[in-house]
Amino acid sequence: MNTTKKQPQRTCVACRSVGGKRGLLRVVRTPEGRVLLDPSGRLPGRGAYFCRENACLAAAVKGVQLEQILKVKMISEDRETLKTALGEILKEQAVV
C-alpha cells in the first residue's frame, strides 16, 4: 500500500509556475490589514505565493499585482518591510 503524503501545490502569482507549498514564499495580509512575509506559512489571513526567483521576488514589491491579489492597499511602511525581508532572502540565496 502506498502511504506517501501528497504535498500541497501552489501557484506563483508572478510567473504562474506551480510548485510545492514549502518551496514557495508566502506573503500574507493579516486580519489587521498589514502585509507581511510569512516564512512559516501559518499566519492567519489571505495569502499569495511567490517562487524564489529574483524576478518573481522583485515583482512582489514593485507592482500593484500583490495589492490586487491580497485585496488591500499597501502602505509604504509595509512595502519597505517586505522589501527588506525579501532582500534578506535574496542575500541568503546568493551565499548558497
PDB file of N, CA and C in Angstrom:
ATOM      1  N   MET A   1       0.835  -1.181   0.000  1.00  0.00           N
ATOM      2  CA  MET A   1       0.000   0.000   0.000  1.00  0.00           C
ATOM      3  C   MET A   1       0.882   1.248   0.000  1.00  0.00           C
ATOM      4  N   ASN A   2       0.589   2.186  -0.845  1.00  0.00           N
ATOM      5  CA  ASN A   2       1.364   3.419  -0.976  1.00  0.00           C
ATOM      6  C   ASN A   2       0.904   4.418   0.083  1.00  0.00           C
ATOM      7  N   THR A   3       1.805   4.832   0.965  1.00  0.00           N
ATOM      8  CA  THR A   3       1.449   5.743   2.060  1.00  0.00           C
ATOM      9  C   THR A   3       2.146   7.092   1.941  1.00  0.00           C
ATOM     10  N   THR A   4       2.576   7.483   0.748  1.00  0.00           N
ATOM     11  CA  THR A   4       3.235   8.777   0.607  1.00  0.00           C
ATOM     12  C   THR A   4       2.204   9.889   0.706  1.00  0.00           C
ATOM     13  N   LYS A   5       2.573  10.932   1.431  1.00  0.00           N
ATOM     14  CA  LYS A   5       1.690  12.084   1.588  1.00  0.00           C
ATOM     15  C   LYS A   5       1.784  12.977   0.362  1.00  0.00           C
ATOM     16  N   LYS A   6       0.663  13.531  -0.024  1.00  0.00           N
ATOM     17  CA  LYS A   6       0.659  14.482  -1.122  1.00  0.00           C
ATOM     18  C   LYS A   6       1.071  15.849  -0.591  1.00  0.00           C
ATOM     19  N   GLN A   7       1.936  16.520  -1.338  1.00  0.00           N
ATOM     20  CA  GLN A   7       2.372  17.851  -0.940  1.00  0.00           C
ATOM     21  C   GLN A   7       1.444  18.877  -1.590  1.00  0.00           C
ATOM     22  N   PRO A   8       0.933  19.837  -0.798  1.00  0.00           N
ATOM     23  CA  PRO A   8       0.051  20.852  -1.367  1.00  0.00           C
ATOM     24  C   PRO A   8       0.768  21.641  -2.469  1.00  0.00           C
ATOM     25  N   GLN A   9       0.061  21.926  -3.542  1.00  0.00           N
ATOM     26  CA  GLN A   9       0.602  22.670  -4.668  1.00  0.00           C
ATOM     27  C   GLN A   9       0.058  24.096  -4.637  1.00  0.00           C
ATOM     28  N   ARG A  10       0.915  25.051  -4.945  1.00  0.00           N
ATOM     29  CA  ARG A  10       0.526  26.455  -5.014  1.00  0.00           C
ATOM     30  C   ARG A  10       1.084  27.056  -6.300  1.00  0.00           C
ATOM     31  N   THR A  11       0.521  28.172  -6.724  1.00  0.00           N
ATOM     32  CA  THR A  11       0.938  28.837  -7.953  1.00  0.00           C
ATOM     33  C   THR A  11       1.587  30.168  -7.619  1.00  0.00           C
ATOM     34  N   CYS A  12       2.757  30.417  -8.200  1.00  0.00           N
ATOM     35  CA  CYS A  12       3.439  31.704  -8.040  1.00  0.00           C
ATOM     36  C   CYS A  12       2.602  32.759  -8.754  1.00  0.00           C
ATOM     37  N   VAL A  13       2.295  33.848  -8.066  1.00  0.00           N
ATOM     38  CA  VAL A  13       1.443  34.869  -8.661  1.00  0.00           C
ATOM     39  C   VAL A  13       2.180  35.718  -9.692  1.00  0.00           C
ATOM     40  N   ALA A  14       3.501  35.657  -9.708  1.00  0.00           N
ATOM     41  CA  ALA A  14       4.266  36.451 -10.674  1.00  0.00           C
ATOM     42  C   ALA A  14       4.460  35.705 -11.990  1.00  0.00           C
ATOM     43  N   CYS A  15       4.967  34.469 -11.926  1.00  0.00           N
ATOM     44  CA  CYS A  15       5.287  33.734 -13.156  1.00  0.00           C
ATOM     45  C   CYS A  15       4.299  32.618 -13.464  1.00  0.00           C
ATOM     46  N   ARG A  16       3.347  32.384 -12.576  1.00  0.00           N
ATOM     47  CA  ARG A  16       2.291  31.389 -12.751  1.00  0.00           C
ATOM     48  C   ARG A  16       2.796  29.946 -12.772  1.00  0.00           C
ATOM     49  N   SER A  17       4.010  29.675 -12.288  1.00  0.00           N
ATOM     50  CA  SER A  17       4.503  28.308 -12.225  1.00  0.00           C
ATOM     51  C   SER A  17       3.947  27.639 -10.966  1.00  0.00           C
ATOM     52  N   VAL A  18       3.711  26.346 -11.054  1.00  0.00           N
ATOM     53  CA  VAL A  18       3.142  25.587  -9.951  1.00  0.00           C
ATOM     54  C   VAL A  18       4.268  24.854  -9.234  1.00  0.00           C
ATOM     55  N   GLY A  19       4.248  24.911  -7.914  1.00  0.00           N
ATOM     56  CA  GLY A  19       5.269  24.239  -7.122  1.00  0.00           C
ATOM     57  C   GLY A  19       4.720  23.837  -5.773  1.00  0.00           C
ATOM     58  N   GLY A  20       5.524  23.109  -5.034  1.00  0.00           N
ATOM     59  CA  GLY A  20       5.137  22.689  -3.695  1.00  0.00           C
ATOM     60  C   GLY A  20       5.022  23.877  -2.759  1.00  0.00           C
ATOM     61  N   LYS A  21       4.102  23.797  -1.841  1.00  0.00           N
ATOM     62  CA  LYS A  21       3.854  24.893  -0.905  1.00  0.00           C
ATOM     63  C   LYS A  21       5.108  25.268  -0.124  1.00  0.00           C
ATOM     64  N   ARG A  22       5.886  24.281   0.265  1.00  0.00           N
ATOM     65  CA  ARG A  22       7.086  24.550   1.057  1.00  0.00           C
ATOM     66  C   ARG A  22       8.215  25.169   0.237  1.00  0.00           C
ATOM     67  N   GLY A  23       8.169  25.051  -1.057  1.00  0.00           N
ATOM     68  CA  GLY A  23       9.206  25.621  -1.913  1.00  0.00           C
ATOM     69  C   GLY A  23       8.938  27.060  -2.300  1.00  0.00           C
ATOM     70  N   LEU A  24       7.761  27.576  -1.972  1.00  0.00           N
ATOM     71  CA  LEU A  24       7.384  28.938  -2.325  1.00  0.00           C
ATOM     72  C   LEU A  24       7.358  29.809  -1.077  1.00  0.00           C
ATOM     73  N   LEU A  25       7.458  31.111  -1.286  1.00  0.00           N
ATOM     74  CA  LEU A  25       7.376  32.069  -0.182  1.00  0.00           C
ATOM     75  C   LEU A  25       5.959  32.617  -0.110  1.00  0.00           C
ATOM     76  N   ARG A  26       5.445  32.758   1.099  1.00  0.00           N
ATOM     77  CA  ARG A  26       4.085  33.261   1.286  1.00  0.00           C
ATOM     78  C   ARG A  26       4.128  34.686   1.818  1.00  0.00           C
ATOM     79  N   VAL A  27       3.330  35.534   1.193  1.00  0.00           N
ATOM     80  CA  VAL A  27       3.106  36.896   1.670  1.00  0.00           C
ATOM     81  C   VAL A  27       1.651  36.921   2.108  1.00  0.00           C
ATOM     82  N   VAL A  28       1.388  37.459   3.288  1.00  0.00           N
ATOM     83  CA  VAL A  28       0.051  37.381   3.861  1.00  0.00           C
ATOM     84  C   VAL A  28      -0.467  38.766   4.233  1.00  0.00           C
ATOM     85  N   ARG A  29      -1.779  38.943   4.049  1.00  0.00           N
ATOM     86  CA  ARG A  29      -2.472  40.120   4.583  1.00  0.00           C
ATOM     87  C   ARG A  29      -3.128  39.674   5.876  1.00  0.00           C
ATOM     88  N   THR A  30      -2.683  40.236   6.969  1.00  0.00           N
ATOM     89  CA  THR A  30      -3.202  39.849   8.275  1.00  0.00           C
ATOM     90  C   THR A  30      -4.619  40.387   8.454  1.00  0.00           C
ATOM     91  N   PRO A  31      -5.354  39.859   9.425  1.00  0.00           N
ATOM     92  CA  PRO A  31      -6.694  40.391   9.686  1.00  0.00           C
ATOM     93  C   PRO A  31      -6.706  41.883  10.032  1.00  0.00           C
ATOM     94  N   GLU A  32      -5.566  42.402  10.505  1.00  0.00           N
ATOM     95  CA  GLU A  32      -5.472  43.836  10.810  1.00  0.00           C
ATOM     96  C   GLU A  32      -5.207  44.675   9.567  1.00  0.00           C
ATOM     97  N   GLY A  33      -4.939  44.032   8.423  1.00  0.00           N
ATOM     98  CA  GLY A  33      -4.696  44.753   7.179  1.00  0.00           C
ATOM     99  C   GLY A  33      -3.227  44.971   6.854  1.00  0.00           C
ATOM    100  N   ARG A  34      -2.313  44.432   7.659  1.00  0.00           N
ATOM    101  CA  ARG A  34      -0.875  44.555   7.391  1.00  0.00           C
ATOM    102  C   ARG A  34      -0.456  43.518   6.360  1.00  0.00           C
ATOM    103  N   VAL A  35       0.595  43.808   5.599  1.00  0.00           N
ATOM    104  CA  VAL A  35       1.140  42.868   4.624  1.00  0.00           C
ATOM    105  C   VAL A  35       2.526  42.462   5.108  1.00  0.00           C
ATOM    106  N   LEU A  36       2.714  41.145   5.326  1.00  0.00           N
ATOM    107  CA  LEU A  36       3.950  40.628   5.898  1.00  0.00           C
ATOM    108  C   LEU A  36       4.423  39.408   5.131  1.00  0.00           C
ATOM    109  N   LEU A  37       5.725  39.150   5.208  1.00  0.00           N
ATOM    110  CA  LEU A  37       6.271  37.895   4.717  1.00  0.00           C
ATOM    111  C   LEU A  37       5.985  36.836   5.774  1.00  0.00           C
ATOM    112  N   ASP A  38       5.522  35.678   5.349  1.00  0.00           N
ATOM    113  CA  ASP A  38       5.154  34.609   6.270  1.00  0.00           C
ATOM    114  C   ASP A  38       6.058  33.406   6.027  1.00  0.00           C
ATOM    115  N   PRO A  39       7.245  33.362   6.649  1.00  0.00           N
ATOM    116  CA  PRO A  39       8.166  32.253   6.394  1.00  0.00           C
ATOM    117  C   PRO A  39       7.645  30.909   6.883  1.00  0.00           C
ATOM    118  N   SER A  40       6.802  30.898   7.908  1.00  0.00           N
ATOM    119  CA  SER A  40       6.281  29.630   8.427  1.00  0.00           C
ATOM    120  C   SER A  40       5.103  29.113   7.606  1.00  0.00           C
ATOM    121  N   GLY A  41       4.422  30.007   6.897  1.00  0.00           N
ATOM    122  CA  GLY A  41       3.258  29.617   6.118  1.00  0.00           C
ATOM    123  C   GLY A  41       2.031  29.351   6.966  1.00  0.00           C
ATOM    124  N   ARG A  42       2.024  29.841   8.187  1.00  0.00           N
ATOM    125  CA  ARG A  42       0.927  29.533   9.098  1.00  0.00           C
ATOM    126  C   ARG A  42       0.194  30.761   9.646  1.00  0.00           C
ATOM    127  N   LEU A  43       0.611  31.957   9.278  1.00  0.00           N
ATOM    128  CA  LEU A  43      -0.081  33.136   9.788  1.00  0.00           C
ATOM    129  C   LEU A  43      -1.502  33.185   9.237  1.00  0.00           C
ATOM    130  N   PRO A  44      -2.458  33.662  10.050  1.00  0.00           N
ATOM    131  CA  PRO A  44      -3.823  33.765   9.545  1.00  0.00           C
ATOM    132  C   PRO A  44      -3.947  34.934   8.573  1.00  0.00           C
ATOM    133  N   GLY A  45      -4.810  34.781   7.601  1.00  0.00           N
ATOM    134  CA  GLY A  45      -5.061  35.853   6.660  1.00  0.00           C
ATOM    135  C   GLY A  45      -4.969  35.377   5.226  1.00  0.00           C
ATOM    136  N   ARG A  46      -5.232  36.288   4.314  1.00  0.00           N
ATOM    137  CA  ARG A  46      -5.209  35.987   2.888  1.00  0.00           C
ATOM    138  C   ARG A  46      -3.761  35.948   2.407  1.00  0.00           C
ATOM    139  N   GLY A  47      -3.388  34.910   1.686  1.00  0.00           N
ATOM    140  CA  GLY A  47      -2.002  34.742   1.285  1.00  0.00           C
ATOM    141  C   GLY A  47      -1.799  34.729  -0.214  1.00  0.00           C
ATOM    142  N   ALA A  48      -0.575  35.016  -0.616  1.00  0.00           N
ATOM    143  CA  ALA A  48      -0.130  34.938  -2.010  1.00  0.00           C
ATOM    144  C   ALA A  48       1.246  34.290  -1.990  1.00  0.00           C
ATOM    145  N   TYR A  49       1.531  33.505  -2.998  1.00  0.00           N
ATOM    146  CA  TYR A  49       2.784  32.749  -3.035  1.00  0.00           C
ATOM    147  C   TYR A  49       3.671  33.226  -4.173  1.00  0.00           C
ATOM    148  N   PHE A  50       4.987  33.241  -3.908  1.00  0.00           N
ATOM    149  CA  PHE A  50       5.984  33.625  -4.894  1.00  0.00           C
ATOM    150  C   PHE A  50       7.091  32.586  -4.899  1.00  0.00           C
ATOM    151  N   CYS A  51       7.581  32.228  -6.095  1.00  0.00           N
ATOM    152  CA  CYS A  51       8.727  31.331  -6.143  1.00  0.00           C
ATOM    153  C   CYS A  51       9.980  32.141  -5.782  1.00  0.00           C
ATOM    154  N   ARG A  52      11.070  31.478  -5.586  1.00  0.00           N
ATOM    155  CA  ARG A  52      12.283  32.123  -5.071  1.00  0.00           C
ATOM    156  C   ARG A  52      13.175  32.691  -6.174  1.00  0.00           C
ATOM    157  N   GLU A  53      12.624  32.959  -7.330  1.00  0.00           N
ATOM    158  CA  GLU A  53      13.382  33.568  -8.419  1.00  0.00           C
ATOM    159  C   GLU A  53      13.471  35.075  -8.189  1.00  0.00           C
ATOM    160  N   ASN A  54      14.584  35.658  -8.592  1.00  0.00           N
ATOM    161  CA  ASN A  54      14.793  37.101  -8.383  1.00  0.00           C
ATOM    162  C   ASN A  54      13.691  37.929  -9.032  1.00  0.00           C
ATOM    163  N   ALA A  55      13.301  37.581 -10.253  1.00  0.00           N
ATOM    164  CA  ALA A  55      12.288  38.355 -10.964  1.00  0.00           C
ATOM    165  C   ALA A  55      10.938  38.290 -10.251  1.00  0.00           C
ATOM    166  N   CYS A  56      10.609  37.136  -9.722  1.00  0.00           N
ATOM    167  CA  CYS A  56       9.329  36.985  -9.026  1.00  0.00           C
ATOM    168  C   CYS A  56       9.317  37.757  -7.710  1.00  0.00           C
ATOM    169  N   LEU A  57      10.426  37.726  -6.996  1.00  0.00           N
ATOM    170  CA  LEU A  57      10.502  38.461  -5.732  1.00  0.00           C
ATOM    171  C   LEU A  57      10.479  39.968  -5.971  1.00  0.00           C
ATOM    172  N   ALA A  58      11.099  40.410  -7.060  1.00  0.00           N
ATOM    173  CA  ALA A  58      11.054  41.831  -7.399  1.00  0.00           C
ATOM    174  C   ALA A  58       9.631  42.248  -7.759  1.00  0.00           C
ATOM    175  N   ALA A  59       8.913  41.375  -8.448  1.00  0.00           N
ATOM    176  CA  ALA A  59       7.531  41.673  -8.812  1.00  0.00           C
ATOM    177  C   ALA A  59       6.634  41.749  -7.585  1.00  0.00           C
ATOM    178  N   ALA A  60       7.031  41.064  -6.516  1.00  0.00           N
ATOM    179  CA  ALA A  60       6.224  41.053  -5.294  1.00  0.00           C
ATOM    180  C   ALA A  60       6.091  42.445  -4.688  1.00  0.00           C
ATOM    181  N   VAL A  61       7.112  43.263  -4.803  1.00  0.00           N
ATOM    182  CA  VAL A  61       7.063  44.580  -4.169  1.00  0.00           C
ATOM    183  C   VAL A  61       6.927  45.721  -5.171  1.00  0.00           C
ATOM    184  N   LYS A  62       7.140  45.437  -6.445  1.00  0.00           N
ATOM    185  CA  LYS A  62       7.165  46.517  -7.419  1.00  0.00           C
ATOM    186  C   LYS A  62       5.779  46.978  -7.851  1.00  0.00           C
ATOM    187  N   GLY A  63       4.946  46.084  -8.277  1.00  0.00           N
ATOM    188  CA  GLY A  63       3.694  46.464  -8.902  1.00  0.00           C
ATOM    189  C   GLY A  63       2.502  46.418  -7.979  1.00  0.00           C
ATOM    190  N   VAL A  64       1.337  46.582  -8.584  1.00  0.00           N
ATOM    191  CA  VAL A  64       0.086  46.550  -7.836  1.00  0.00           C
ATOM    192  C   VAL A  64      -0.527  45.161  -7.843  1.00  0.00           C
ATOM    193  N   GLN A  65       0.137  44.197  -8.476  1.00  0.00           N
ATOM    194  CA  GLN A  65      -0.390  42.843  -8.574  1.00  0.00           C
ATOM    195  C   GLN A  65      -0.622  42.240  -7.186  1.00  0.00           C
ATOM    196  N   LEU A  66       0.309  42.427  -6.288  1.00  0.00           N
ATOM    197  CA  LEU A  66       0.173  41.894  -4.934  1.00  0.00           C
ATOM    198  C   LEU A  66      -1.004  42.551  -4.208  1.00  0.00           C
ATOM    199  N   GLU A  67      -1.168  43.838  -4.388  1.00  0.00           N
ATOM    200  CA  GLU A  67      -2.287  44.546  -3.763  1.00  0.00           C
ATOM    201  C   GLU A  67      -3.619  44.012  -4.275  1.00  0.00           C
ATOM    202  N   GLN A  68      -3.693  43.719  -5.562  1.00  0.00           N
ATOM    203  CA  GLN A  68      -4.929  43.193  -6.135  1.00  0.00           C
ATOM    204  C   GLN A  68      -5.233  41.807  -5.600  1.00  0.00           C
ATOM    205  N   ILE A  69      -4.220  40.964  -5.492  1.00  0.00           N
ATOM    206  CA  ILE A  69      -4.436  39.598  -5.024  1.00  0.00           C
ATOM    207  C   ILE A  69      -4.819  39.578  -3.552  1.00  0.00           C
ATOM    208  N   LEU A  70      -4.147  40.397  -2.742  1.00  0.00           N
ATOM    209  CA  LEU A  70      -4.437  40.432  -1.314  1.00  0.00           C
ATOM    210  C   LEU A  70      -5.627  41.320  -0.973  1.00  0.00           C
ATOM    211  N   LYS A  71      -6.123  42.053  -1.957  1.00  0.00           N
ATOM    212  CA  LYS A  71      -7.269  42.946  -1.775  1.00  0.00           C
ATOM    213  C   LYS A  71      -7.032  43.961  -0.662  1.00  0.00           C
ATOM    214  N   VAL A  72      -5.886  44.657  -0.777  1.00  0.00           N
ATOM    215  CA  VAL A  72      -5.522  45.656   0.214  1.00  0.00           C
ATOM    216  C   VAL A  72      -4.654  46.712  -0.465  1.00  0.00           C
ATOM    217  N   LYS A  73      -4.711  47.946   0.028  1.00  0.00           N
ATOM    218  CA  LYS A  73      -3.813  48.997  -0.420  1.00  0.00           C
ATOM    219  C   LYS A  73      -2.635  49.006   0.537  1.00  0.00           C
ATOM    220  N   MET A  74      -1.436  48.681   0.008  1.00  0.00           N
ATOM    221  CA  MET A  74      -0.248  48.601   0.869  1.00  0.00           C
ATOM    222  C   MET A  74       0.229  49.994   1.249  1.00  0.00           C
ATOM    223  N   ILE A  75       0.515  50.170   2.542  1.00  0.00           N
ATOM    224  CA  ILE A  75       1.107  51.426   2.992  1.00  0.00           C
ATOM    225  C   ILE A  75       2.616  51.332   2.776  1.00  0.00           C
ATOM    226  N   SER A  76       3.275  52.466   2.740  1.00  0.00           N
ATOM    227  CA  SER A  76       4.711  52.495   2.449  1.00  0.00           C
ATOM    228  C   SER A  76       5.516  51.724   3.492  1.00  0.00           C
ATOM    229  N   GLU A  77       5.083  51.739   4.743  1.00  0.00           N
ATOM    230  CA  GLU A  77       5.792  51.006   5.800  1.00  0.00           C
ATOM    231  C   GLU A  77       5.778  49.500   5.520  1.00  0.00           C
ATOM    232  N   ASP A  78       4.621  48.969   5.112  1.00  0.00           N
ATOM    233  CA  ASP A  78       4.527  47.542   4.785  1.00  0.00           C
ATOM    234  C   ASP A  78       5.371  47.198   3.569  1.00  0.00           C
ATOM    235  N   ARG A  79       5.374  48.084   2.574  1.00  0.00           N
ATOM    236  CA  ARG A  79       6.153  47.834   1.364  1.00  0.00           C
ATOM    237  C   ARG A  79       7.651  47.802   1.681  1.00  0.00           C
ATOM    238  N   GLU A  80       8.121  48.707   2.545  1.00  0.00           N
ATOM    239  CA  GLU A  80       9.536  48.734   2.925  1.00  0.00           C
ATOM    240  C   GLU A  80       9.907  47.503   3.757  1.00  0.00           C
ATOM    241  N   THR A  81       9.017  47.095   4.670  1.00  0.00           N
ATOM    242  CA  THR A  81       9.267  45.896   5.466  1.00  0.00           C
ATOM    243  C   THR A  81       9.373  44.674   4.571  1.00  0.00           C
ATOM    244  N   LEU A  82       8.491  44.581   3.589  1.00  0.00           N
ATOM    245  CA  LEU A  82       8.502  43.457   2.658  1.00  0.00           C
ATOM    246  C   LEU A  82       9.761  43.476   1.793  1.00  0.00           C
ATOM    247  N   LYS A  83      10.177  44.664   1.339  1.00  0.00           N
ATOM    248  CA  LYS A  83      11.414  44.782   0.553  1.00  0.00           C
ATOM    249  C   LYS A  83      12.620  44.307   1.356  1.00  0.00           C
ATOM    250  N   THR A  84      12.680  44.707   2.623  1.00  0.00           N
ATOM    251  CA  THR A  84      13.788  44.306   3.485  1.00  0.00           C
ATOM    252  C   THR A  84      13.813  42.798   3.688  1.00  0.00           C
ATOM    253  N   ALA A  85      12.665  42.220   3.977  1.00  0.00           N
ATOM    254  CA  ALA A  85      12.594  40.772   4.214  1.00  0.00           C
ATOM    255  C   ALA A  85      12.963  39.988   2.957  1.00  0.00           C
ATOM    256  N   LEU A  86      12.471  40.423   1.805  1.00  0.00           N
ATOM    257  CA  LEU A  86      12.788  39.733   0.559  1.00  0.00           C
ATOM    258  C   LEU A  86      14.251  39.953   0.176  1.00  0.00           C
ATOM    259  N   GLY A  87      14.811  41.107   0.517  1.00  0.00           N
ATOM    260  CA  GLY A  87      16.233  41.357   0.279  1.00  0.00           C
ATOM    261  C   GLY A  87      17.106  40.401   1.060  1.00  0.00           C
ATOM    262  N   GLU A  88      16.709  40.098   2.294  1.00  0.00           N
ATOM    263  CA  GLU A  88      17.444  39.127   3.110  1.00  0.00           C
ATOM    264  C   GLU A  88      17.407  37.739   2.469  1.00  0.00           C
ATOM    265  N   ILE A  89      16.278  37.374   1.918  1.00  0.00           N
ATOM    266  CA  ILE A  89      16.156  36.066   1.264  1.00  0.00           C
ATOM    267  C   ILE A  89      17.035  36.019   0.024  1.00  0.00           C
ATOM    268  N   LEU A  90      17.078  37.101  -0.737  1.00  0.00           N
ATOM    269  CA  LEU A  90      17.937  37.147  -1.919  1.00  0.00           C
ATOM    270  C   LEU A  90      19.404  37.022  -1.534  1.00  0.00           C
ATOM    271  N   LYS A  91      19.809  37.661  -0.421  1.00  0.00           N
ATOM    272  CA  LYS A  91      21.194  37.552   0.044  1.00  0.00           C
ATOM    273  C   LYS A  91      21.527  36.117   0.442  1.00  0.00           C
ATOM    274  N   GLU A  92      20.591  35.453   1.116  1.00  0.00           N
ATOM    275  CA  GLU A  92      20.795  34.062   1.524  1.00  0.00           C
ATOM    276  C   GLU A  92      20.958  33.166   0.306  1.00  0.00           C
ATOM    277  N   GLN A  93      20.172  33.410  -0.727  1.00  0.00           N
ATOM    278  CA  GLN A  93      20.250  32.604  -1.945  1.00  0.00           C
ATOM    279  C   GLN A  93      21.583  32.816  -2.646  1.00  0.00           C
ATOM    280  N   ALA A  94      22.097  34.038  -2.604  1.00  0.00           N
ATOM    281  CA  ALA A  94      23.354  34.349  -3.264  1.00  0.00           C
ATOM    282  C   ALA A  94      24.523  33.645  -2.559  1.00  0.00           C
ATOM    283  N   VAL A  95      24.444  33.480  -1.255  1.00  0.00           N
ATOM    284  CA  VAL A  95      25.500  32.843  -0.480  1.00  0.00           C
ATOM    285  C   VAL A  95      25.534  31.346  -0.770  1.00  0.00           C
ATOM    286  N   VAL A  96      24.365  30.744  -0.876  1.00  0.00           N
ATOM    287  CA  VAL A  96      24.286  29.286  -1.086  1.00  0.00           C
ATOM    288  C   VAL A  96      24.611  28.938  -2.479  1.00  0.00           C
TER     289      VAL A  96
END
